[in-house]
């Protein structure tokens, strides 16, 4: 694996006990990997393994439901704070249509 560049990457500081670090360095070296690549590979294997776990889907669904509830509460709080004249910022919100009728001069309104 090569060192990533550009956007889309995060840098993490991982604290390991001395013995685990020494073992990781040995495993990486024996496998011809940099320490960074060995850690990335281990993390990828964990993610792949958990992705296949049925419990993960249930936990993710629960987390999504909680996020949606929190979002709804925050949205209601903001709307209450801004008052009834606040414009809804959601893309699905219907925008009021201007009234149609006649202008003051009796001409059709545009």
PDB file of N, CA and C in Angstrom:
ATOM      1  N   UNK A   1       0.843  -1.184   0.000  1.00  0.00           N
ATOM      2  CA  UNK A   1       0.000   0.000   0.000  1.00  0.00           C
ATOM      3  C   UNK A   1       0.880   1.236   0.000  1.00  0.00           C
ATOM      4  N   UNK A   2       0.446   2.232  -0.691  1.00  0.00           N
ATOM      5  CA  UNK A   2       1.239   3.452  -0.727  1.00  0.00           C
ATOM      6  C   UNK A   2       0.629   4.493   0.199  1.00  0.00           C
ATOM      7  N   UNK A   3       1.420   5.491   0.523  1.00  0.00           N
ATOM      8  CA  UNK A   3       0.980   6.550   1.419  1.00  0.00           C
ATOM      9  C   UNK A   3      -0.065   7.404   0.705  1.00  0.00           C
ATOM     10  N   UNK A   4      -1.246   7.591   1.305  1.00  0.00           N
ATOM     11  CA  UNK A   4      -2.293   8.394   0.673  1.00  0.00           C
ATOM     12  C   UNK A   4      -1.917   9.868   0.668  1.00  0.00           C
ATOM     13  N   UNK A   5      -2.432  10.567  -0.314  1.00  0.00           N
ATOM     14  CA  UNK A   5      -2.221  12.008  -0.348  1.00  0.00           C
ATOM     15  C   UNK A   5      -3.535  12.675  -0.713  1.00  0.00           C
ATOM     16  N   UNK A   6      -3.639  13.949  -0.399  1.00  0.00           N
ATOM     17  CA  UNK A   6      -4.839  14.691  -0.733  1.00  0.00           C
ATOM     18  C   UNK A   6      -5.915  14.560   0.311  1.00  0.00           C
ATOM     19  N   UNK A   7      -7.115  14.913  -0.114  1.00  0.00           N
ATOM     20  CA  UNK A   7      -8.264  14.904   0.789  1.00  0.00           C
ATOM     21  C   UNK A   7      -8.772  13.494   1.035  1.00  0.00           C
ATOM     22  N   UNK A   8      -9.652  13.376   2.015  1.00  0.00           N
ATOM     23  CA  UNK A   8     -10.308  12.119   2.284  1.00  0.00           C
ATOM     24  C   UNK A   8      -9.583  11.217   3.257  1.00  0.00           C
ATOM     25  N   UNK A   9      -8.596  11.722   3.946  1.00  0.00           N
ATOM     26  CA  UNK A   9      -7.855  10.919   4.915  1.00  0.00           C
ATOM     27  C   UNK A   9      -7.805  11.650   6.240  1.00  0.00           C
ATOM     28  N   UNK A  10      -7.840  10.887   7.307  1.00  0.00           N
ATOM     29  CA  UNK A  10      -7.719  11.430   8.660  1.00  0.00           C
ATOM     30  C   UNK A  10      -6.471  10.848   9.303  1.00  0.00           C
ATOM     31  N   UNK A  11      -5.833  11.631  10.129  1.00  0.00           N
ATOM     32  CA  UNK A  11      -4.666  11.178  10.870  1.00  0.00           C
ATOM     33  C   UNK A  11      -5.103  10.855  12.285  1.00  0.00           C
ATOM     34  N   UNK A  12      -4.726   9.670  12.753  1.00  0.00           N
ATOM     35  CA  UNK A  12      -5.082   9.237  14.096  1.00  0.00           C
ATOM     36  C   UNK A  12      -3.826   9.019  14.925  1.00  0.00           C
ATOM     37  N   UNK A  13      -3.925   9.325  16.184  1.00  0.00           N
ATOM     38  CA  UNK A  13      -2.858   8.986  17.122  1.00  0.00           C
ATOM     39  C   UNK A  13      -3.363   7.779  17.911  1.00  0.00           C
ATOM     40  N   UNK A  14      -2.668   6.670  17.793  1.00  0.00           N
ATOM     41  CA  UNK A  14      -3.084   5.436  18.456  1.00  0.00           C
ATOM     42  C   UNK A  14      -2.104   5.138  19.570  1.00  0.00           C
ATOM     43  N   UNK A  15      -2.624   4.923  20.772  1.00  0.00           N
ATOM     44  CA  UNK A  15      -1.770   4.584  21.915  1.00  0.00           C
ATOM     45  C   UNK A  15      -1.817   3.079  22.107  1.00  0.00           C
ATOM     46  N   UNK A  16      -0.660   2.473  22.072  1.00  0.00           N
ATOM     47  CA  UNK A  16      -0.551   1.027  22.246  1.00  0.00           C
ATOM     48  C   UNK A  16       0.406   0.726  23.390  1.00  0.00           C
ATOM     49  N   UNK A  17       0.124  -0.336  24.132  1.00  0.00           N
ATOM     50  CA  UNK A  17       1.098  -0.771  25.132  1.00  0.00           C
ATOM     51  C   UNK A  17       2.397  -1.173  24.421  1.00  0.00           C
ATOM     52  N   UNK A  18       3.520  -1.024  25.091  1.00  0.00           N
ATOM     53  CA  UNK A  18       4.828  -1.312  24.489  1.00  0.00           C
ATOM     54  C   UNK A  18       4.883  -2.698  23.853  1.00  0.00           C
ATOM     55  N   UNK A  19       4.379  -3.710  24.543  1.00  0.00           N
ATOM     56  CA  UNK A  19       4.461  -5.078  24.032  1.00  0.00           C
ATOM     57  C   UNK A  19       3.649  -5.247  22.746  1.00  0.00           C
ATOM     58  N   UNK A  20       2.449  -4.688  22.706  1.00  0.00           N
ATOM     59  CA  UNK A  20       1.626  -4.787  21.502  1.00  0.00           C
ATOM     60  C   UNK A  20       2.276  -4.040  20.342  1.00  0.00           C
ATOM     61  N   UNK A  21       2.850  -2.879  20.637  1.00  0.00           N
ATOM     62  CA  UNK A  21       3.543  -2.110  19.596  1.00  0.00           C
ATOM     63  C   UNK A  21       4.709  -2.905  19.024  1.00  0.00           C
ATOM     64  N   UNK A  22       5.499  -3.526  19.888  1.00  0.00           N
ATOM     65  CA  UNK A  22       6.644  -4.316  19.432  1.00  0.00           C
ATOM     66  C   UNK A  22       6.186  -5.467  18.547  1.00  0.00           C
ATOM     67  N   UNK A  23       5.094  -6.124  18.935  1.00  0.00           N
ATOM     68  CA  UNK A  23       4.571  -7.223  18.129  1.00  0.00           C
ATOM     69  C   UNK A  23       4.073  -6.720  16.771  1.00  0.00           C
ATOM     70  N   UNK A  24       3.420  -5.584  16.782  1.00  0.00           N
ATOM     71  CA  UNK A  24       2.913  -5.007  15.537  1.00  0.00           C
ATOM     72  C   UNK A  24       4.059  -4.634  14.604  1.00  0.00           C
ATOM     73  N   UNK A  25       5.102  -4.048  15.148  1.00  0.00           N
ATOM     74  CA  UNK A  25       6.273  -3.688  14.336  1.00  0.00           C
ATOM     75  C   UNK A  25       6.880  -4.946  13.702  1.00  0.00           C
ATOM     76  N   UNK A  26       6.988  -6.017  14.484  1.00  0.00           N
ATOM     77  CA  UNK A  26       7.529  -7.271  13.957  1.00  0.00           C
ATOM     78  C   UNK A  26       6.642  -7.860  12.862  1.00  0.00           C
ATOM     79  N   UNK A  27       5.349  -7.889  13.104  1.00  0.00           N
ATOM     80  CA  UNK A  27       4.417  -8.443  12.117  1.00  0.00           C
ATOM     81  C   UNK A  27       4.459  -7.634  10.823  1.00  0.00           C
ATOM     82  N   UNK A  28       4.472  -6.310  10.959  1.00  0.00           N
ATOM     83  CA  UNK A  28       4.527  -5.454   9.771  1.00  0.00           C
ATOM     84  C   UNK A  28       5.817  -5.712   9.001  1.00  0.00           C
ATOM     85  N   UNK A  29       6.942  -5.738   9.711  1.00  0.00           N
ATOM     86  CA  UNK A  29       8.230  -5.955   9.054  1.00  0.00           C
ATOM     87  C   UNK A  29       8.316  -7.301   8.368  1.00  0.00           C
ATOM     88  N   UNK A  30       7.836  -8.356   9.028  1.00  0.00           N
ATOM     89  CA  UNK A  30       7.862  -9.689   8.430  1.00  0.00           C
ATOM     90  C   UNK A  30       6.962  -9.781   7.206  1.00  0.00           C
ATOM     91  N   UNK A  31       5.907  -8.964   7.192  1.00  0.00           N
ATOM     92  CA  UNK A  31       4.993  -8.950   6.051  1.00  0.00           C
ATOM     93  C   UNK A  31       5.376  -7.958   4.976  1.00  0.00           C
ATOM     94  N   UNK A  32       6.500  -7.264   5.176  1.00  0.00           N
ATOM     95  CA  UNK A  32       6.933  -6.285   4.177  1.00  0.00           C
ATOM     96  C   UNK A  32       6.062  -5.045   4.140  1.00  0.00           C
ATOM     97  N   UNK A  33       5.442  -4.731   5.262  1.00  0.00           N
ATOM     98  CA  UNK A  33       4.550  -3.572   5.331  1.00  0.00           C
ATOM     99  C   UNK A  33       5.146  -2.496   6.218  1.00  0.00           C
ATOM    100  N   UNK A  34       4.775  -1.262   5.947  1.00  0.00           N
ATOM    101  CA  UNK A  34       5.103  -0.194   6.887  1.00  0.00           C
ATOM    102  C   UNK A  34       4.170  -0.342   8.074  1.00  0.00           C
ATOM    103  N   UNK A  35       4.511   0.280   9.171  1.00  0.00           N
ATOM    104  CA  UNK A  35       3.659   0.238  10.347  1.00  0.00           C
ATOM    105  C   UNK A  35       2.294   0.847  10.009  1.00  0.00           C
ATOM    106  N   UNK A  36       2.302   1.940   9.278  1.00  0.00           N
ATOM    107  CA  UNK A  36       1.065   2.603   8.871  1.00  0.00           C
ATOM    108  C   UNK A  36       0.187   1.667   8.041  1.00  0.00           C
ATOM    109  N   UNK A  37       0.787   0.988   7.068  1.00  0.00           N
ATOM    110  CA  UNK A  37       0.025   0.073   6.220  1.00  0.00           C
ATOM    111  C   UNK A  37      -0.508  -1.121   7.002  1.00  0.00           C
ATOM    112  N   UNK A  38       0.263  -1.616   7.959  1.00  0.00           N
ATOM    113  CA  UNK A  38      -0.190  -2.741   8.781  1.00  0.00           C
ATOM    114  C   UNK A  38      -1.395  -2.326   9.626  1.00  0.00           C
ATOM    115  N   UNK A  39      -1.351  -1.130  10.179  1.00  0.00           N
ATOM    116  CA  UNK A  39      -2.476  -0.633  10.980  1.00  0.00           C
ATOM    117  C   UNK A  39      -3.693  -0.442  10.086  1.00  0.00           C
ATOM    118  N   UNK A  40      -3.500   0.170   8.919  1.00  0.00           N
ATOM    119  CA  UNK A  40      -4.610   0.390   7.994  1.00  0.00           C
ATOM    120  C   UNK A  40      -5.242  -0.936   7.585  1.00  0.00           C
ATOM    121  N   UNK A  41      -4.392  -1.934   7.312  1.00  0.00           N
ATOM    122  CA  UNK A  41      -4.888  -3.254   6.928  1.00  0.00           C
ATOM    123  C   UNK A  41      -5.700  -3.887   8.071  1.00  0.00           C
ATOM    124  N   UNK A  42      -5.203  -3.765   9.282  1.00  0.00           N
ATOM    125  CA  UNK A  42      -5.924  -4.300  10.436  1.00  0.00           C
ATOM    126  C   UNK A  42      -7.268  -3.626  10.638  1.00  0.00           C
ATOM    127  N   UNK A  43      -7.303  -2.327  10.476  1.00  0.00           N
ATOM    128  CA  UNK A  43      -8.559  -1.589  10.618  1.00  0.00           C
ATOM    129  C   UNK A  43      -9.535  -2.010   9.517  1.00  0.00           C
ATOM    130  N   UNK A  44      -9.031  -2.143   8.291  1.00  0.00           N
ATOM    131  CA  UNK A  44      -9.894  -2.559   7.180  1.00  0.00           C
ATOM    132  C   UNK A  44     -10.478  -3.950   7.424  1.00  0.00           C
ATOM    133  N   UNK A  45      -9.654  -4.854   7.941  1.00  0.00           N
ATOM    134  CA  UNK A  45     -10.139  -6.206   8.246  1.00  0.00           C
ATOM    135  C   UNK A  45     -11.222  -6.176   9.320  1.00  0.00           C
ATOM    136  N   UNK A  46     -11.052  -5.318  10.330  1.00  0.00           N
ATOM    137  CA  UNK A  46     -12.069  -5.184  11.370  1.00  0.00           C
ATOM    138  C   UNK A  46     -13.377  -4.662  10.785  1.00  0.00           C
ATOM    139  N   UNK A  47     -13.284  -3.633   9.961  1.00  0.00           N
ATOM    140  CA  UNK A  47     -14.481  -3.055   9.343  1.00  0.00           C
ATOM    141  C   UNK A  47     -15.176  -4.094   8.474  1.00  0.00           C
ATOM    142  N   UNK A  48     -14.423  -4.817   7.671  1.00  0.00           N
ATOM    143  CA  UNK A  48     -15.012  -5.841   6.799  1.00  0.00           C
ATOM    144  C   UNK A  48     -15.695  -6.935   7.617  1.00  0.00           C
ATOM    145  N   UNK A  49     -15.045  -7.368   8.688  1.00  0.00           N
ATOM    146  CA  UNK A  49     -15.602  -8.419   9.537  1.00  0.00           C
ATOM    147  C   UNK A  49     -16.891  -7.943  10.209  1.00  0.00           C
ATOM    148  N   UNK A  50     -16.881  -6.723  10.727  1.00  0.00           N
ATOM    149  CA  UNK A  50     -18.074  -6.183  11.394  1.00  0.00           C
ATOM    150  C   UNK A  50     -19.205  -5.921  10.419  1.00  0.00           C
ATOM    151  N   UNK A  51     -18.862  -5.548   9.192  1.00  0.00           N
ATOM    152  CA  UNK A  51     -19.875  -5.286   8.180  1.00  0.00           C
ATOM    153  C   UNK A  51     -20.714  -6.536   7.914  1.00  0.00           C
ATOM    154  N   UNK A  52     -20.104  -7.710   8.012  1.00  0.00           N
ATOM    155  CA  UNK A  52     -20.800  -8.959   7.798  1.00  0.00           C
ATOM    156  C   UNK A  52     -21.569  -9.441   9.012  1.00  0.00           C
ATOM    157  N   UNK A  53     -21.455  -8.737  10.109  1.00  0.00           N
ATOM    158  CA  UNK A  53     -22.109  -9.109  11.362  1.00  0.00           C
ATOM    159  C   UNK A  53     -23.554  -8.610  11.354  1.00  0.00           C
ATOM    160  N   UNK A  54     -24.503  -9.506  11.590  1.00  0.00           N
ATOM    161  CA  UNK A  54     -25.919  -9.126  11.601  1.00  0.00           C
ATOM    162  C   UNK A  54     -26.264  -8.111  12.668  1.00  0.00           C
ATOM    163  N   UNK A  55     -25.562  -8.158  13.794  1.00  0.00           N
ATOM    164  CA  UNK A  55     -25.837  -7.208  14.873  1.00  0.00           C
ATOM    165  C   UNK A  55     -25.506  -5.775  14.465  1.00  0.00           C
ATOM    166  N   UNK A  56     -24.523  -5.604  13.584  1.00  0.00           N
ATOM    167  CA  UNK A  56     -24.133  -4.260  13.165  1.00  0.00           C
ATOM    168  C   UNK A  56     -25.287  -3.562  12.470  1.00  0.00           C
ATOM    169  N   UNK A  57     -26.013  -4.280  11.615  1.00  0.00           N
ATOM    170  CA  UNK A  57     -27.137  -3.670  10.905  1.00  0.00           C
ATOM    171  C   UNK A  57     -28.203  -3.198  11.892  1.00  0.00           C
ATOM    172  N   UNK A  58     -28.498  -4.010  12.888  1.00  0.00           N
ATOM    173  CA  UNK A  58     -29.491  -3.628  13.895  1.00  0.00           C
ATOM    174  C   UNK A  58     -29.010  -2.427  14.705  1.00  0.00           C
ATOM    175  N   UNK A  59     -27.734  -2.430  15.073  1.00  0.00           N
ATOM    176  CA  UNK A  59     -27.174  -1.306  15.834  1.00  0.00           C
ATOM    177  C   UNK A  59     -27.182  -0.031  14.990  1.00  0.00           C
ATOM    178  N   UNK A  60     -26.872  -0.154  13.716  1.00  0.00           N
ATOM    179  CA  UNK A  60     -26.860   1.011  12.827  1.00  0.00           C
ATOM    180  C   UNK A  60     -28.266   1.564  12.650  1.00  0.00           C
ATOM    181  N   UNK A  61     -29.253   0.691  12.511  1.00  0.00           N
ATOM    182  CA  UNK A  61     -30.637   1.143  12.373  1.00  0.00           C
ATOM    183  C   UNK A  61     -31.081   1.889  13.626  1.00  0.00           C
ATOM    184  N   UNK A  62     -30.704   1.378  14.790  1.00  0.00           N
ATOM    185  CA  UNK A  62     -31.045   2.039  16.048  1.00  0.00           C
ATOM    186  C   UNK A  62     -30.361   3.405  16.144  1.00  0.00           C
ATOM    187  N   UNK A  63     -29.092   3.468  15.766  1.00  0.00           N
ATOM    188  CA  UNK A  63     -28.356   4.737  15.802  1.00  0.00           C
ATOM    189  C   UNK A  63     -28.981   5.749  14.848  1.00  0.00           C
ATOM    190  N   UNK A  64     -29.401   5.293  13.677  1.00  0.00           N
ATOM    191  CA  UNK A  64     -30.038   6.186  12.705  1.00  0.00           C
ATOM    192  C   UNK A  64     -31.347   6.732  13.253  1.00  0.00           C
ATOM    193  N   UNK A  65     -32.136   5.886  13.883  1.00  0.00           N
ATOM    194  CA  UNK A  65     -33.397   6.320  14.475  1.00  0.00           C
ATOM    195  C   UNK A  65     -33.148   7.374  15.552  1.00  0.00           C
ATOM    196  N   UNK A  66     -32.141   7.152  16.390  1.00  0.00           N
ATOM    197  CA  UNK A  66     -31.816   8.116  17.439  1.00  0.00           C
ATOM    198  C   UNK A  66     -31.357   9.445  16.846  1.00  0.00           C
ATOM    199  N   UNK A  67     -30.570   9.386  15.773  1.00  0.00           N
ATOM    200  CA  UNK A  67     -30.109  10.605  15.114  1.00  0.00           C
ATOM    201  C   UNK A  67     -31.284  11.387  14.537  1.00  0.00           C
ATOM    202  N   UNK A  68     -32.236  10.673  13.938  1.00  0.00           N
ATOM    203  CA  UNK A  68     -33.401  11.335  13.353  1.00  0.00           C
ATOM    204  C   UNK A  68     -34.256  11.983  14.435  1.00  0.00           C
ATOM    205  N   UNK A  69     -34.410  11.315  15.577  1.00  0.00           N
ATOM    206  CA  UNK A  69     -35.172  11.890  16.683  1.00  0.00           C
ATOM    207  C   UNK A  69     -34.495  13.147  17.227  1.00  0.00           C
ATOM    208  N   UNK A  70     -33.171  13.082  17.404  1.00  0.00           N
ATOM    209  CA  UNK A  70     -32.425  14.249  17.886  1.00  0.00           C
ATOM    210  C   UNK A  70     -32.530  15.403  16.894  1.00  0.00           C
ATOM    211  N   UNK A  71     -32.461  15.085  15.616  1.00  0.00           N
ATOM    212  CA  UNK A  71     -32.566  16.107  14.582  1.00  0.00           C
ATOM    213  C   UNK A  71     -33.943  16.771  14.611  1.00  0.00           C
ATOM    214  N   UNK A  72     -34.982  15.974  14.783  1.00  0.00           N
ATOM    215  CA  UNK A  72     -36.337  16.523  14.844  1.00  0.00           C
ATOM    216  C   UNK A  72     -36.494  17.446  16.058  1.00  0.00           C
ATOM    217  N   UNK A  73     -35.937  17.056  17.183  1.00  0.00           N
ATOM    218  CA  UNK A  73     -36.009  17.881  18.387  1.00  0.00           C
ATOM    219  C   UNK A  73     -35.284  19.209  18.167  1.00  0.00           C
ATOM    220  N   UNK A  74     -34.097  19.147  17.572  1.00  0.00           N
ATOM    221  CA  UNK A  74     -33.336  20.374  17.302  1.00  0.00           C
ATOM    222  C   UNK A  74     -34.075  21.262  16.304  1.00  0.00           C
ATOM    223  N   UNK A  75     -34.669  20.653  15.271  1.00  0.00           N
ATOM    224  CA  UNK A  75     -35.410  21.411  14.269  1.00  0.00           C
ATOM    225  C   UNK A  75     -36.585  22.137  14.927  1.00  0.00           C
ATOM    226  N   UNK A  76     -37.322  21.437  15.795  1.00  0.00           N
ATOM    227  CA  UNK A  76     -38.449  22.054  16.491  1.00  0.00           C
ATOM    228  C   UNK A  76     -37.980  23.188  17.393  1.00  0.00           C
ATOM    229  N   UNK A  77     -36.853  22.995  18.067  1.00  0.00           N
ATOM    230  CA  UNK A  77     -36.320  24.033  18.946  1.00  0.00           C
ATOM    231  C   UNK A  77     -35.934  25.277  18.149  1.00  0.00           C
ATOM    232  N   UNK A  78     -35.304  25.071  17.003  1.00  0.00           N
ATOM    233  CA  UNK A  78     -34.933  26.213  16.158  1.00  0.00           C
ATOM    234  C   UNK A  78     -36.157  26.935  15.628  1.00  0.00           C
ATOM    235  N   UNK A  79     -37.160  26.188  15.218  1.00  0.00           N
ATOM    236  CA  UNK A  79     -38.373  26.813  14.711  1.00  0.00           C
ATOM    237  C   UNK A  79     -39.081  27.594  15.815  1.00  0.00           C
ATOM    238  N   UNK A  80     -39.077  27.043  17.030  1.00  0.00           N
ATOM    239  CA  UNK A  80     -39.680  27.759  18.155  1.00  0.00           C
ATOM    240  C   UNK A  80     -38.893  29.025  18.467  1.00  0.00           C
ATOM    241  N   UNK A  81     -37.582  28.940  18.356  1.00  0.00           N
ATOM    242  CA  UNK A  81     -36.729  30.095  18.624  1.00  0.00           C
ATOM    243  C   UNK A  81     -36.947  31.198  17.595  1.00  0.00           C
ATOM    244  N   UNK A  82     -37.076  30.812  16.330  1.00  0.00           N
ATOM    245  CA  UNK A  82     -37.222  31.792  15.264  1.00  0.00           C
ATOM    246  C   UNK A  82     -38.649  32.291  15.105  1.00  0.00           C
ATOM    247  N   UNK A  83     -39.608  31.574  15.637  1.00  0.00           N
ATOM    248  CA  UNK A  83     -40.994  32.011  15.585  1.00  0.00           C
ATOM    249  C   UNK A  83     -41.716  31.511  14.342  1.00  0.00           C
ATOM    250  N   UNK A  84     -42.996  31.854  14.243  1.00  0.00           N
ATOM    251  CA  UNK A  84     -43.825  31.327  13.158  1.00  0.00           C
ATOM    252  C   UNK A  84     -43.466  31.886  11.785  1.00  0.00           C
ATOM    253  N   UNK A  85     -42.710  32.963  11.716  1.00  0.00           N
ATOM    254  CA  UNK A  85     -42.371  33.543  10.421  1.00  0.00           C
ATOM    255  C   UNK A  85     -41.110  32.934   9.819  1.00  0.00           C
ATOM    256  N   UNK A  86     -40.501  31.985  10.532  1.00  0.00           N
ATOM    257  CA  UNK A  86     -39.271  31.368  10.046  1.00  0.00           C
ATOM    258  C   UNK A  86     -39.549  30.575   8.782  1.00  0.00           C
ATOM    259  N   UNK A  87     -38.657  30.694   7.824  1.00  0.00           N
ATOM    260  CA  UNK A  87     -38.769  29.937   6.584  1.00  0.00           C
ATOM    261  C   UNK A  87     -38.191  28.562   6.835  1.00  0.00           C
ATOM    262  N   UNK A  88     -38.909  27.537   6.434  1.00  0.00           N
ATOM    263  CA  UNK A  88     -38.404  26.182   6.603  1.00  0.00           C
ATOM    264  C   UNK A  88     -37.253  25.970   5.639  1.00  0.00           C
ATOM    265  N   UNK A  89     -36.157  25.411   6.160  1.00  0.00           N
ATOM    266  CA  UNK A  89     -34.949  25.232   5.360  1.00  0.00           C
ATOM    267  C   UNK A  89     -34.889  23.880   4.689  1.00  0.00           C
ATOM    268  N   UNK A  90     -35.900  23.049   4.884  1.00  0.00           N
ATOM    269  CA  UNK A  90     -35.848  21.731   4.282  1.00  0.00           C
ATOM    270  C   UNK A  90     -36.208  21.821   2.815  1.00  0.00           C
ATOM    271  N   UNK A  91     -35.532  21.055   1.961  1.00  0.00           N
ATOM    272  CA  UNK A  91     -35.798  21.131   0.534  1.00  0.00           C
ATOM    273  C   UNK A  91     -37.214  20.706   0.177  1.00  0.00           C
ATOM    274  N   UNK A  92     -37.851  19.895   0.992  1.00  0.00           N
ATOM    275  CA  UNK A  92     -39.179  19.405   0.675  1.00  0.00           C
ATOM    276  C   UNK A  92     -40.277  20.372   1.113  1.00  0.00           C
ATOM    277  N   UNK A  93     -39.891  21.416   1.823  1.00  0.00           N
ATOM    278  CA  UNK A  93     -40.895  22.367   2.292  1.00  0.00           C
ATOM    279  C   UNK A  93     -41.500  23.099   1.110  1.00  0.00           C
ATOM    280  N   UNK A  94     -42.822  23.224   1.140  1.00  0.00           N
ATOM    281  CA  UNK A  94     -43.494  23.929   0.058  1.00  0.00           C
ATOM    282  C   UNK A  94     -43.334  25.427   0.259  1.00  0.00           C
ATOM    283  N   UNK A  95     -42.994  26.111  -0.812  1.00  0.00           N
ATOM    284  CA  UNK A  95     -42.874  27.554  -0.759  1.00  0.00           C
ATOM    285  C   UNK A  95     -44.250  28.140  -1.054  1.00  0.00           C
ATOM    286  N   UNK A  96     -44.655  29.164  -0.310  1.00  0.00           N
ATOM    287  CA  UNK A  96     -45.975  29.748  -0.561  1.00  0.00           C
ATOM    288  C   UNK A  96     -46.010  30.383  -1.946  1.00  0.00           C
ATOM    289  N   UNK A  97     -47.133  30.217  -2.608  1.00  0.00           N
ATOM    290  CA  UNK A  97     -47.283  30.823  -3.928  1.00  0.00           C
ATOM    291  C   UNK A  97     -47.863  32.213  -3.746  1.00  0.00           C
ATOM    292  N   UNK A  98     -47.404  33.166  -4.558  1.00  0.00           N
ATOM    293  CA  UNK A  98     -47.924  34.521  -4.423  1.00  0.00           C
ATOM    294  C   UNK A  98     -49.402  34.544  -4.804  1.00  0.00           C
ATOM    295  N   UNK A  99     -50.169  35.404  -4.161  1.00  0.00           N
ATOM    296  CA  UNK A  99     -51.600  35.463  -4.478  1.00  0.00           C
ATOM    297  C   UNK A  99     -51.823  35.925  -5.902  1.00  0.00           C
ATOM    298  N   UNK A 100     -52.806  35.324  -6.533  1.00  0.00           N
ATOM    299  CA  UNK A 100     -53.168  35.734  -7.889  1.00  0.00           C
ATOM    300  C   UNK A 100     -54.458  36.523  -7.805  1.00  0.00           C
ATOM    301  N   UNK A 101     -54.578  37.427  -8.646  1.00  0.00           N
ATOM    302  CA  UNK A 101     -55.786  38.251  -8.640  1.00  0.00           C
ATOM    303  C   UNK A 101     -55.536  39.475  -9.490  1.00  0.00           C
ATOM    304  N   UNK A 102     -56.079  40.574  -9.096  1.00  0.00           N
ATOM    305  CA  UNK A 102     -55.954  41.804  -9.867  1.00  0.00           C
ATOM    306  C   UNK A 102     -55.102  42.813  -9.106  1.00  0.00           C
ATOM    307  N   UNK A 103     -54.321  43.575  -9.857  1.00  0.00           N
ATOM    308  CA  UNK A 103     -53.540  44.646  -9.243  1.00  0.00           C
ATOM    309  C   UNK A 103     -54.471  45.786  -8.881  1.00  0.00           C
ATOM    310  N   UNK A 104     -53.911  46.830  -8.311  1.00  0.00           N
ATOM    311  CA  UNK A 104     -54.747  47.968  -7.930  1.00  0.00           C
ATOM    312  C   UNK A 104     -55.393  48.628  -9.138  1.00  0.00           C
ATOM    313  N   UNK A 105     -54.785  48.494 -10.304  1.00  0.00           N
ATOM    314  CA  UNK A 105     -55.303  49.140 -11.504  1.00  0.00           C
ATOM    315  C   UNK A 105     -56.320  48.264 -12.228  1.00  0.00           C
ATOM    316  N   UNK A 106     -56.567  47.067 -11.685  1.00  0.00           N
ATOM    317  CA  UNK A 106     -57.542  46.188 -12.315  1.00  0.00           C
ATOM    318  C   UNK A 106     -56.915  45.261 -13.346  1.00  0.00           C
ATOM    319  N   UNK A 107     -55.585  45.325 -13.492  1.00  0.00           N
ATOM    320  CA  UNK A 107     -54.903  44.443 -14.438  1.00  0.00           C
ATOM    321  C   UNK A 107     -54.569  43.119 -13.735  1.00  0.00           C
ATOM    322  N   UNK A 108     -54.500  42.025 -14.507  1.00  0.00           N
ATOM    323  CA  UNK A 108     -54.149  40.754 -13.875  1.00  0.00           C
ATOM    324  C   UNK A 108     -52.772  40.834 -13.228  1.00  0.00           C
ATOM    325  N   UNK A 109     -52.641  40.274 -12.047  1.00  0.00           N
ATOM    326  CA  UNK A 109     -51.353  40.239 -11.362  1.00  0.00           C
ATOM    327  C   UNK A 109     -50.473  39.207 -12.017  1.00  0.00           C
ATOM    328  N   UNK A 110     -49.176  39.476 -12.074  1.00  0.00           N
ATOM    329  CA  UNK A 110     -48.270  38.526 -12.710  1.00  0.00           C
ATOM    330  C   UNK A 110     -47.687  37.566 -11.732  1.00  0.00           C
TER     331      UNK A 110
END
